[in-house]
Amino acid sequence: MEIIYQKQAEKGKQCQDCQSYTPKENDPVAGTCFGKDVVAEGGCMFFKKIEAQK
C-alpha cells in the first residue's frame, strides 16, 4: 500500500501531533516517520493523535 503524504496538513492532524513522528534533534521542523524523512507540518492517511499524558 502506498502512503499518501502531504507536506502541509490541517492543524491538529500534522506529523508533529502524531504518535509515529520522531523529531530530529538538529532540525525542529523536520523528523522521521517509520524511517522516512517528513516535515513537522506534513501529514498522511495513518495519522494517530498523541494521547494526553496521565
C-alpha atoms as a PDB file:
ATOM      1  CA  MET A   1       0.000   0.000   0.000  1.00  0.00           C
ATOM      2  CA  GLU A   2       1.343   3.432  -0.924  1.00  0.00           C
ATOM      3  CA  ILE A   3       1.393   6.081   1.810  1.00  0.00           C
ATOM      4  CA  ILE A   4      -0.212   9.305   0.654  1.00  0.00           C
ATOM      5  CA  TYR A   5       1.893  12.033   2.251  1.00  0.00           C
ATOM      6  CA  GLN A   6       1.399  15.790   2.005  1.00  0.00           C
ATOM      7  CA  LYS A   7       3.886  18.461   3.085  1.00  0.00           C
ATOM      8  CA  GLN A   8       1.139  20.656   4.570  1.00  0.00           C
ATOM      9  CA  ALA A   9      -1.674  19.106   6.618  1.00  0.00           C
ATOM     10  CA  GLU A  10      -4.521  20.694   8.570  1.00  0.00           C
ATOM     11  CA  LYS A  11      -3.743  21.862  12.115  1.00  0.00           C
ATOM     12  CA  GLY A  12      -4.253  19.114  14.681  1.00  0.00           C
ATOM     13  CA  LYS A  13      -3.541  16.392  12.105  1.00  0.00           C
ATOM     14  CA  GLN A  14       0.083  17.196  11.376  1.00  0.00           C
ATOM     15  CA  CYS A  15       3.063  14.882  11.778  1.00  0.00           C
ATOM     16  CA  GLN A  16       4.166  16.785  14.886  1.00  0.00           C
ATOM     17  CA  ASP A  17       0.857  15.733  16.535  1.00  0.00           C
ATOM     18  CA  CYS A  18       1.189  12.055  15.558  1.00  0.00           C
ATOM     19  CA  GLN A  19       2.355   9.133  17.711  1.00  0.00           C
ATOM     20  CA  SER A  20       4.631   7.835  14.928  1.00  0.00           C
ATOM     21  CA  TYR A  21       6.587  11.085  14.436  1.00  0.00           C
ATOM     22  CA  THR A  22      10.132  11.435  15.796  1.00  0.00           C
ATOM     23  CA  PRO A  23      11.572  14.971  15.575  1.00  0.00           C
ATOM     24  CA  LYS A  24      15.210  15.442  14.558  1.00  0.00           C
ATOM     25  CA  GLU A  25      17.408  16.890  17.304  1.00  0.00           C
ATOM     26  CA  ASN A  26      19.213  19.278  14.960  1.00  0.00           C
ATOM     27  CA  ASP A  27      16.154  20.473  12.957  1.00  0.00           C
ATOM     28  CA  PRO A  28      12.913  21.303  14.851  1.00  0.00           C
ATOM     29  CA  VAL A  29      10.773  21.464  11.679  1.00  0.00           C
ATOM     30  CA  ALA A  30      11.781  18.028  10.393  1.00  0.00           C
ATOM     31  CA  GLY A  31      11.651  14.459  11.607  1.00  0.00           C
ATOM     32  CA  THR A  32      11.063  10.873  10.649  1.00  0.00           C
ATOM     33  CA  CYS A  33       8.091   8.558  10.496  1.00  0.00           C
ATOM     34  CA  PHE A  34       8.709   4.839  10.143  1.00  0.00           C
ATOM     35  CA  GLY A  35      12.193   5.641   8.816  1.00  0.00           C
ATOM     36  CA  LYS A  36      11.055   8.149   6.180  1.00  0.00           C
ATOM     37  CA  ASP A  37      12.006  11.831   6.291  1.00  0.00           C
ATOM     38  CA  VAL A  38       8.985  14.094   6.860  1.00  0.00           C
ATOM     39  CA  VAL A  39       8.275  17.672   7.922  1.00  0.00           C
ATOM     40  CA  ALA A  40       6.536  18.577  11.191  1.00  0.00           C
ATOM     41  CA  GLU A  41       3.622  20.300   9.394  1.00  0.00           C
ATOM     42  CA  GLY A  42       3.085  17.416   6.964  1.00  0.00           C
ATOM     43  CA  GLY A  43       0.583  14.607   7.273  1.00  0.00           C
ATOM     44  CA  CYS A  44      -0.574  11.259   5.912  1.00  0.00           C
ATOM     45  CA  MET A  45      -3.506   8.857   5.990  1.00  0.00           C
ATOM     46  CA  PHE A  46      -2.111   6.934   9.011  1.00  0.00           C
ATOM     47  CA  PHE A  47      -2.289   9.879  11.439  1.00  0.00           C
ATOM     48  CA  LYS A  48      -2.874   8.848  15.064  1.00  0.00           C
ATOM     49  CA  LYS A  49      -3.038  11.678  17.595  1.00  0.00           C
ATOM     50  CA  ILE A  50      -0.640  11.659  20.533  1.00  0.00           C
ATOM     51  CA  GLU A  51      -2.626  10.704  23.622  1.00  0.00           C
ATOM     52  CA  ALA A  52      -2.503  13.067  26.583  1.00  0.00           C
ATOM     53  CA  GLN A  53      -0.092  12.066  29.353  1.00  0.00           C
ATOM     54  CA  LYS A  54      -1.830  10.901  32.538  1.00  0.00           C
END
